[in-house]
PDB file of N, CA and C in Angstrom:
ATOM      1  N   MET A   1      50.026 -46.411  37.556  1.00  0.00           N
ATOM      2  CA  MET A   1      48.728 -45.898  37.142  1.00  0.00           C
ATOM      3  C   MET A   1      47.804 -47.141  36.970  1.00  0.00           C
ATOM      4  N   ILE A   2      46.470 -46.888  37.087  1.00  0.00           N
ATOM      5  CA  ILE A   2      45.626 -47.893  36.780  1.00  0.00           C
ATOM      6  C   ILE A   2      44.972 -47.736  35.495  1.00  0.00           C
ATOM      7  N   SER A   3      44.892 -48.863  34.794  1.00  0.00           N
ATOM      8  CA  SER A   3      44.355 -48.901  33.454  1.00  0.00           C
ATOM      9  C   SER A   3      42.827 -48.750  33.470  1.00  0.00           C
ATOM     10  N   LEU A   4      42.186 -48.170  32.387  1.00  0.00           N
ATOM     11  CA  LEU A   4      40.837 -47.937  32.367  1.00  0.00           C
ATOM     12  C   LEU A   4      40.054 -49.304  32.375  1.00  0.00           C
ATOM     13  N   THR A   5      40.590 -50.410  31.977  1.00  0.00           N
ATOM     14  CA  THR A   5      39.928 -51.666  31.995  1.00  0.00           C
ATOM     15  C   THR A   5      39.927 -52.283  33.395  1.00  0.00           C
ATOM     16  N   LYS A   6      40.752 -51.766  34.339  1.00  0.00           N
ATOM     17  CA  LYS A   6      40.830 -52.225  35.576  1.00  0.00           C
ATOM     18  C   LYS A   6      39.867 -51.392  36.555  1.00  0.00           C
ATOM     19  N   LEU A   7      39.188 -50.315  36.163  1.00  0.00           N
ATOM     20  CA  LEU A   7      38.309 -49.529  37.011  1.00  0.00           C
ATOM     21  C   LEU A   7      37.020 -50.383  37.414  1.00  0.00           C
ATOM     22  N   GLU A   8      36.541 -50.013  38.552  1.00  0.00           N
ATOM     23  CA  GLU A   8      35.387 -50.754  39.156  1.00  0.00           C
ATOM     24  C   GLU A   8      34.201 -49.730  39.129  1.00  0.00           C
ATOM     25  N   PRO A   9      33.036 -50.116  38.755  1.00  0.00           N
ATOM     26  CA  PRO A   9      31.843 -49.219  38.812  1.00  0.00           C
ATOM     27  C   PRO A   9      31.586 -48.795  40.342  1.00  0.00           C
ATOM     28  N   ASN A  10      31.361 -47.464  40.268  1.00  0.00           N
ATOM     29  CA  ASN A  10      30.995 -46.673  41.636  1.00  0.00           C
ATOM     30  C   ASN A  10      32.286 -46.758  42.572  1.00  0.00           C
ATOM     31  N   GLY A  11      33.399 -47.099  42.110  1.00  0.00           N
ATOM     32  CA  GLY A  11      34.696 -47.075  42.904  1.00  0.00           C
ATOM     33  C   GLY A  11      35.201 -45.628  42.978  1.00  0.00           C
ATOM     34  N   PHE A  12      35.827 -45.282  44.089  1.00  0.00           N
ATOM     35  CA  PHE A  12      36.486 -44.015  44.314  1.00  0.00           C
ATOM     36  C   PHE A  12      37.945 -44.264  44.015  1.00  0.00           C
ATOM     37  N   TYR A  13      38.633 -43.118  43.366  1.00  0.00           N
ATOM     38  CA  TYR A  13      39.976 -43.256  43.079  1.00  0.00           C
ATOM     39  C   TYR A  13      40.592 -41.756  43.238  1.00  0.00           C
ATOM     40  N   TRP A  14      41.900 -41.838  43.423  1.00  0.00           N
ATOM     41  CA  TRP A  14      42.725 -40.651  43.369  1.00  0.00           C
ATOM     42  C   TRP A  14      43.073 -40.536  41.802  1.00  0.00           C
ATOM     43  N   ALA A  15      42.929 -39.397  41.223  1.00  0.00           N
ATOM     44  CA  ALA A  15      43.195 -39.262  39.904  1.00  0.00           C
ATOM     45  C   ALA A  15      43.618 -37.872  39.494  1.00  0.00           C
ATOM     46  N   MET A  16      44.246 -37.845  38.307  1.00  0.00           N
ATOM     47  CA  MET A  16      44.731 -36.525  37.871  1.00  0.00           C
ATOM     48  C   MET A  16      44.185 -36.265  36.409  1.00  0.00           C
ATOM     49  N   ARG A  17      43.665 -35.019  36.169  1.00  0.00           N
ATOM     50  CA  ARG A  17      43.175 -34.868  34.867  1.00  0.00           C
ATOM     51  C   ARG A  17      44.398 -34.614  33.791  1.00  0.00           C
ATOM     52  N   LYS A  18      44.202 -35.186  32.670  1.00  0.00           N
ATOM     53  CA  LYS A  18      45.403 -35.164  31.721  1.00  0.00           C
ATOM     54  C   LYS A  18      45.514 -33.784  31.158  1.00  0.00           C
ATOM     55  N   ASP A  19      44.504 -33.070  31.050  1.00  0.00           N
ATOM     56  CA  ASP A  19      44.611 -31.650  30.466  1.00  0.00           C
ATOM     57  C   ASP A  19      44.935 -30.643  31.434  1.00  0.00           C
ATOM     58  N   ASP A  20      45.006 -30.911  32.713  1.00  0.00           N
ATOM     59  CA  ASP A  20      45.345 -30.046  33.845  1.00  0.00           C
ATOM     60  C   ASP A  20      46.151 -30.548  34.806  1.00  0.00           C
ATOM     61  N   ARG A  21      47.492 -30.905  34.373  1.00  0.00           N
ATOM     62  CA  ARG A  21      48.474 -31.600  35.379  1.00  0.00           C
ATOM     63  C   ARG A  21      48.839 -30.559  36.588  1.00  0.00           C
ATOM     64  N   ASP A  22      48.743 -29.513  36.373  1.00  0.00           N
ATOM     65  CA  ASP A  22      49.044 -28.520  37.519  1.00  0.00           C
ATOM     66  C   ASP A  22      47.963 -28.479  38.550  1.00  0.00           C
ATOM     67  N   GLY A  23      46.759 -28.919  38.120  1.00  0.00           N
ATOM     68  CA  GLY A  23      45.686 -28.961  39.039  1.00  0.00           C
ATOM     69  C   GLY A  23      45.773 -29.951  40.226  1.00  0.00           C
ATOM     70  N   GLY A  24      46.752 -30.772  40.155  1.00  0.00           N
ATOM     71  CA  GLY A  24      47.085 -31.800  41.278  1.00  0.00           C
ATOM     72  C   GLY A  24      46.038 -33.021  41.143  1.00  0.00           C
ATOM     73  N   THR A  25      46.016 -33.746  42.252  1.00  0.00           N
ATOM     74  CA  THR A  25      45.232 -34.909  42.295  1.00  0.00           C
ATOM     75  C   THR A  25      43.853 -34.563  42.883  1.00  0.00           C
ATOM     76  N   GLN A  26      42.793 -35.359  42.525  1.00  0.00           N
ATOM     77  CA  GLN A  26      41.554 -35.196  43.187  1.00  0.00           C
ATOM     78  C   GLN A  26      40.933 -36.563  43.278  1.00  0.00           C
ATOM     79  N   VAL A  27      39.846 -36.571  44.147  1.00  0.00           N
ATOM     80  CA  VAL A  27      39.190 -37.772  44.353  1.00  0.00           C
ATOM     81  C   VAL A  27      37.980 -37.752  43.412  1.00  0.00           C
ATOM     82  N   VAL A  28      37.845 -38.889  42.739  1.00  0.00           N
ATOM     83  CA  VAL A  28      36.726 -39.014  41.618  1.00  0.00           C
ATOM     84  C   VAL A  28      36.041 -40.387  41.910  1.00  0.00           C
ATOM     85  N   GLN A  29      34.897 -40.385  41.355  1.00  0.00           N
ATOM     86  CA  GLN A  29      34.054 -41.779  41.354  1.00  0.00           C
ATOM     87  C   GLN A  29      33.769 -42.072  39.959  1.00  0.00           C
ATOM     88  N   VAL A  30      33.927 -43.470  39.774  1.00  0.00           N
ATOM     89  CA  VAL A  30      33.539 -44.008  38.569  1.00  0.00           C
ATOM     90  C   VAL A  30      31.921 -44.115  38.470  1.00  0.00           C
ATOM     91  N   SER A  31      31.222 -43.284  37.789  1.00  0.00           N
ATOM     92  CA  SER A  31      29.666 -43.270  37.782  1.00  0.00           C
ATOM     93  C   SER A  31      29.127 -44.194  36.726  1.00  0.00           C
ATOM     94  N   THR A  32      28.053 -44.673  37.120  1.00  0.00           N
ATOM     95  CA  THR A  32      27.188 -45.578  36.180  1.00  0.00           C
ATOM     96  C   THR A  32      25.874 -44.938  35.904  1.00  0.00           C
ATOM     97  N   ILE A  33      25.794 -43.622  36.188  1.00  0.00           N
ATOM     98  CA  ILE A  33      24.468 -42.903  35.921  1.00  0.00           C
ATOM     99  C   ILE A  33      23.921 -43.004  34.530  1.00  0.00           C
ATOM    100  N   PHE A  34      24.771 -43.254  33.577  1.00  0.00           N
ATOM    101  CA  PHE A  34      24.246 -43.272  32.151  1.00  0.00           C
ATOM    102  C   PHE A  34      24.157 -44.709  31.734  1.00  0.00           C
ATOM    103  N   GLY A  35      24.597 -45.717  32.493  1.00  0.00           N
ATOM    104  CA  GLY A  35      24.444 -47.056  32.122  1.00  0.00           C
ATOM    105  C   GLY A  35      25.393 -48.042  32.946  1.00  0.00           C
ATOM    106  N   GLU A  36      25.064 -49.187  33.040  1.00  0.00           N
ATOM    107  CA  GLU A  36      26.005 -50.170  33.779  1.00  0.00           C
ATOM    108  C   GLU A  36      27.159 -50.625  33.015  1.00  0.00           C
ATOM    109  N   GLU A  37      27.106 -50.652  31.704  1.00  0.00           N
ATOM    110  CA  GLU A  37      28.162 -51.160  30.787  1.00  0.00           C
ATOM    111  C   GLU A  37      29.342 -50.181  30.796  1.00  0.00           C
ATOM    112  N   PRO A  38      30.626 -50.727  30.769  1.00  0.00           N
ATOM    113  CA  PRO A  38      31.704 -49.775  30.961  1.00  0.00           C
ATOM    114  C   PRO A  38      31.858 -48.578  29.849  1.00  0.00           C
ATOM    115  N   GLU A  39      31.263 -48.851  28.635  1.00  0.00           N
ATOM    116  CA  GLU A  39      31.193 -47.782  27.650  1.00  0.00           C
ATOM    117  C   GLU A  39      30.370 -46.634  27.995  1.00  0.00           C
ATOM    118  N   TYR A  40      29.439 -46.798  29.042  1.00  0.00           N
ATOM    119  CA  TYR A  40      28.615 -45.723  29.446  1.00  0.00           C
ATOM    120  C   TYR A  40      29.154 -45.043  30.778  1.00  0.00           C
ATOM    121  N   TRP A  41      30.152 -45.561  31.313  1.00  0.00           N
ATOM    122  CA  TRP A  41      30.721 -44.993  32.542  1.00  0.00           C
ATOM    123  C   TRP A  41      31.253 -43.598  32.329  1.00  0.00           C
ATOM    124  N   THR A  42      31.101 -42.746  33.323  1.00  0.00           N
ATOM    125  CA  THR A  42      31.778 -41.384  33.395  1.00  0.00           C
ATOM    126  C   THR A  42      32.510 -41.304  34.669  1.00  0.00           C
ATOM    127  N   VAL A  43      33.062 -40.137  34.806  1.00  0.00           N
ATOM    128  CA  VAL A  43      33.861 -40.008  36.035  1.00  0.00           C
ATOM    129  C   VAL A  43      33.140 -38.744  36.663  1.00  0.00           C
ATOM    130  N   ALA A  44      32.620 -38.816  37.909  1.00  0.00           N
ATOM    131  CA  ALA A  44      32.004 -37.730  38.662  1.00  0.00           C
ATOM    132  C   ALA A  44      33.177 -37.085  39.484  1.00  0.00           C
ATOM    133  N   CYS A  45      33.271 -35.821  39.259  1.00  0.00           N
ATOM    134  CA  CYS A  45      34.269 -35.074  40.117  1.00  0.00           C
ATOM    135  C   CYS A  45      33.591 -34.565  41.332  1.00  0.00           C
ATOM    136  N   LEU A  46      34.125 -35.126  42.533  1.00  0.00           N
ATOM    137  CA  LEU A  46      33.357 -34.769  43.726  1.00  0.00           C
ATOM    138  C   LEU A  46      33.492 -33.335  44.078  1.00  0.00           C
ATOM    139  N   GLY A  47      32.399 -32.815  44.632  1.00  0.00           N
ATOM    140  CA  GLY A  47      32.204 -31.469  45.045  1.00  0.00           C
ATOM    141  C   GLY A  47      31.683 -30.580  43.825  1.00  0.00           C
ATOM    142  N   SER A  48      31.308 -31.226  42.810  1.00  0.00           N
ATOM    143  CA  SER A  48      30.736 -30.510  41.652  1.00  0.00           C
ATOM    144  C   SER A  48      29.737 -31.353  40.937  1.00  0.00           C
ATOM    145  N   ASP A  49      28.982 -30.850  40.052  1.00  0.00           N
ATOM    146  CA  ASP A  49      28.143 -31.704  39.139  1.00  0.00           C
ATOM    147  C   ASP A  49      28.702 -32.154  37.814  1.00  0.00           C
ATOM    148  N   GLU A  50      30.031 -31.951  37.742  1.00  0.00           N
ATOM    149  CA  GLU A  50      30.752 -32.273  36.574  1.00  0.00           C
ATOM    150  C   GLU A  50      31.052 -33.812  36.291  1.00  0.00           C
ATOM    151  N   HIS A  51      30.666 -34.275  35.123  1.00  0.00           N
ATOM    152  CA  HIS A  51      30.950 -35.639  34.758  1.00  0.00           C
ATOM    153  C   HIS A  51      31.952 -35.597  33.588  1.00  0.00           C
ATOM    154  N   ARG A  52      32.896 -36.281  33.436  1.00  0.00           N
ATOM    155  CA  ARG A  52      33.923 -36.297  32.472  1.00  0.00           C
ATOM    156  C   ARG A  52      34.089 -37.857  31.964  1.00  0.00           C
ATOM    157  N   MET A  53      34.795 -37.949  30.829  1.00  0.00           N
ATOM    158  CA  MET A  53      35.091 -39.368  30.424  1.00  0.00           C
ATOM    159  C   MET A  53      36.258 -39.861  31.167  1.00  0.00           C
ATOM    160  N   PRO A  54      36.278 -41.274  31.291  1.00  0.00           N
ATOM    161  CA  PRO A  54      37.350 -41.827  31.975  1.00  0.00           C
ATOM    162  C   PRO A  54      38.664 -41.596  31.351  1.00  0.00           C
ATOM    163  N   ALA A  55      38.784 -41.518  29.950  1.00  0.00           N
ATOM    164  CA  ALA A  55      40.043 -41.346  29.290  1.00  0.00           C
ATOM    165  C   ALA A  55      40.665 -39.951  29.606  1.00  0.00           C
ATOM    166  N   ASP A  56      39.844 -39.041  30.221  1.00  0.00           N
ATOM    167  CA  ASP A  56      40.257 -37.673  30.512  1.00  0.00           C
ATOM    168  C   ASP A  56      41.286 -37.664  31.714  1.00  0.00           C
ATOM    169  N   PHE A  57      41.335 -38.851  32.468  1.00  0.00           N
ATOM    170  CA  PHE A  57      42.046 -38.888  33.655  1.00  0.00           C
ATOM    171  C   PHE A  57      43.128 -39.978  33.706  1.00  0.00           C
ATOM    172  N   GLU A  58      44.093 -39.747  34.514  1.00  0.00           N
ATOM    173  CA  GLU A  58      45.139 -40.921  34.834  1.00  0.00           C
ATOM    174  C   GLU A  58      44.655 -41.303  36.215  1.00  0.00           C
ATOM    175  N   PHE A  59      44.338 -42.542  36.414  1.00  0.00           N
ATOM    176  CA  PHE A  59      44.037 -43.012  37.751  1.00  0.00           C
ATOM    177  C   PHE A  59      45.169 -43.505  38.552  1.00  0.00           C
ATOM    178  N   ILE A  60      45.347 -43.018  39.689  1.00  0.00           N
ATOM    179  CA  ILE A  60      46.563 -43.304  40.386  1.00  0.00           C
ATOM    180  C   ILE A  60      46.359 -44.417  41.443  1.00  0.00           C
ATOM    181  N   ALA A  61      45.302 -44.446  42.252  1.00  0.00           N
ATOM    182  CA  ALA A  61      45.085 -45.303  43.157  1.00  0.00           C
ATOM    183  C   ALA A  61      43.571 -45.479  43.626  1.00  0.00           C
ATOM    184  N   ARG A  62      43.157 -46.683  43.928  1.00  0.00           N
ATOM    185  CA  ARG A  62      41.768 -46.944  44.289  1.00  0.00           C
ATOM    186  C   ARG A  62      41.702 -46.558  45.821  1.00  0.00           C
ATOM    187  N   ILE A  63      40.558 -45.895  46.163  1.00  0.00           N
ATOM    188  CA  ILE A  63      40.305 -45.581  47.614  1.00  0.00           C
ATOM    189  C   ILE A  63      39.528 -46.781  48.007  1.00  0.00           C
ATOM    190  N   VAL A  64      40.005 -47.466  49.098  1.00  0.00           N
ATOM    191  CA  VAL A  64      39.262 -48.633  49.637  1.00  0.00           C
ATOM    192  C   VAL A  64      38.664 -48.187  51.026  1.00  0.00           C
ATOM    193  N   PRO A  65      37.388 -48.574  51.176  1.00  0.00           N
ATOM    194  CA  PRO A  65      36.761 -48.023  52.495  1.00  0.00           C
ATOM    195  C   PRO A  65      37.309 -48.853  53.632  1.00  0.00           C
ATOM    196  N   PRO A  66      37.201 -48.421  54.921  1.00  0.00           N
ATOM    197  CA  PRO A  66      37.877 -49.243  55.959  1.00  0.00           C
ATOM    198  C   PRO A  66      37.017 -50.452  56.067  1.00  0.00           C
ATOM    199  N   ALA A  67      37.809 -51.394  56.565  1.00  0.00           N
ATOM    200  CA  ALA A  67      37.250 -52.921  56.620  1.00  0.00           C
ATOM    201  C   ALA A  67      36.274 -53.086  57.787  1.00  0.00           C
ATOM    202  N   SER A  68      36.343 -52.140  58.810  1.00  0.00           N
ATOM    203  CA  SER A  68      35.397 -52.402  59.868  1.00  0.00           C
ATOM    204  C   SER A  68      35.153 -51.045  60.493  1.00  0.00           C
ATOM    205  N   ASN A  69      34.174 -51.223  61.511  1.00  0.00           N
ATOM    206  CA  ASN A  69      33.720 -50.083  62.216  1.00  0.00           C
ATOM    207  C   ASN A  69      34.828 -49.608  63.078  1.00  0.00           C
ATOM    208  N   PHE A  70      35.899 -50.453  63.318  1.00  0.00           N
ATOM    209  CA  PHE A  70      36.958 -49.984  64.208  1.00  0.00           C
ATOM    210  C   PHE A  70      37.771 -48.839  63.709  1.00  0.00           C
ATOM    211  N   ALA A  71      38.035 -48.794  62.400  1.00  0.00           N
ATOM    212  CA  ALA A  71      38.704 -47.654  61.769  1.00  0.00           C
ATOM    213  C   ALA A  71      37.819 -46.452  61.849  1.00  0.00           C
ATOM    214  N   ILE A  72      36.597 -46.519  61.801  1.00  0.00           N
ATOM    215  CA  ILE A  72      35.629 -45.381  61.905  1.00  0.00           C
ATOM    216  C   ILE A  72      35.627 -44.882  63.406  1.00  0.00           C
ATOM    217  N   ASP A  73      35.550 -45.778  64.353  1.00  0.00           N
ATOM    218  CA  ASP A  73      35.716 -45.344  65.695  1.00  0.00           C
ATOM    219  C   ASP A  73      36.991 -44.740  66.208  1.00  0.00           C
ATOM    220  N   LEU A  74      38.042 -45.200  65.497  1.00  0.00           N
ATOM    221  CA  LEU A  74      39.191 -44.576  65.883  1.00  0.00           C
ATOM    222  C   LEU A  74      39.312 -43.055  65.187  1.00  0.00           C
ATOM    223  N   ALA A  75      38.808 -42.948  64.078  1.00  0.00           N
ATOM    224  CA  ALA A  75      38.862 -41.688  63.387  1.00  0.00           C
ATOM    225  C   ALA A  75      37.952 -40.711  64.149  1.00  0.00           C
ATOM    226  N   ALA A  76      36.892 -41.193  64.835  1.00  0.00           N
ATOM    227  CA  ALA A  76      35.973 -40.250  65.620  1.00  0.00           C
ATOM    228  C   ALA A  76      36.579 -39.748  66.922  1.00  0.00           C
ATOM    229  N   GLU A  77      37.497 -40.494  67.268  1.00  0.00           N
ATOM    230  CA  GLU A  77      38.186 -40.074  68.558  1.00  0.00           C
ATOM    231  C   GLU A  77      39.202 -38.987  68.493  1.00  0.00           C
TER     232      GLU A  77
END
């Protein structure tokens, strides 16, 4: 699991809500919409307009964008 202190602003993560473990994992984004300082960060649940507190989640893995257009070209084929 990734500690809250290791989260990156605007980063995407695989995460699981602590209050809904049967809901499975979901992709979330650490949002800075309310401020750039970590105490103002929220977690945007993709596919909805819902924002929750980072402590409501267990962060499993960071999603890293492809390093080059090569990966995107392969995915398009």
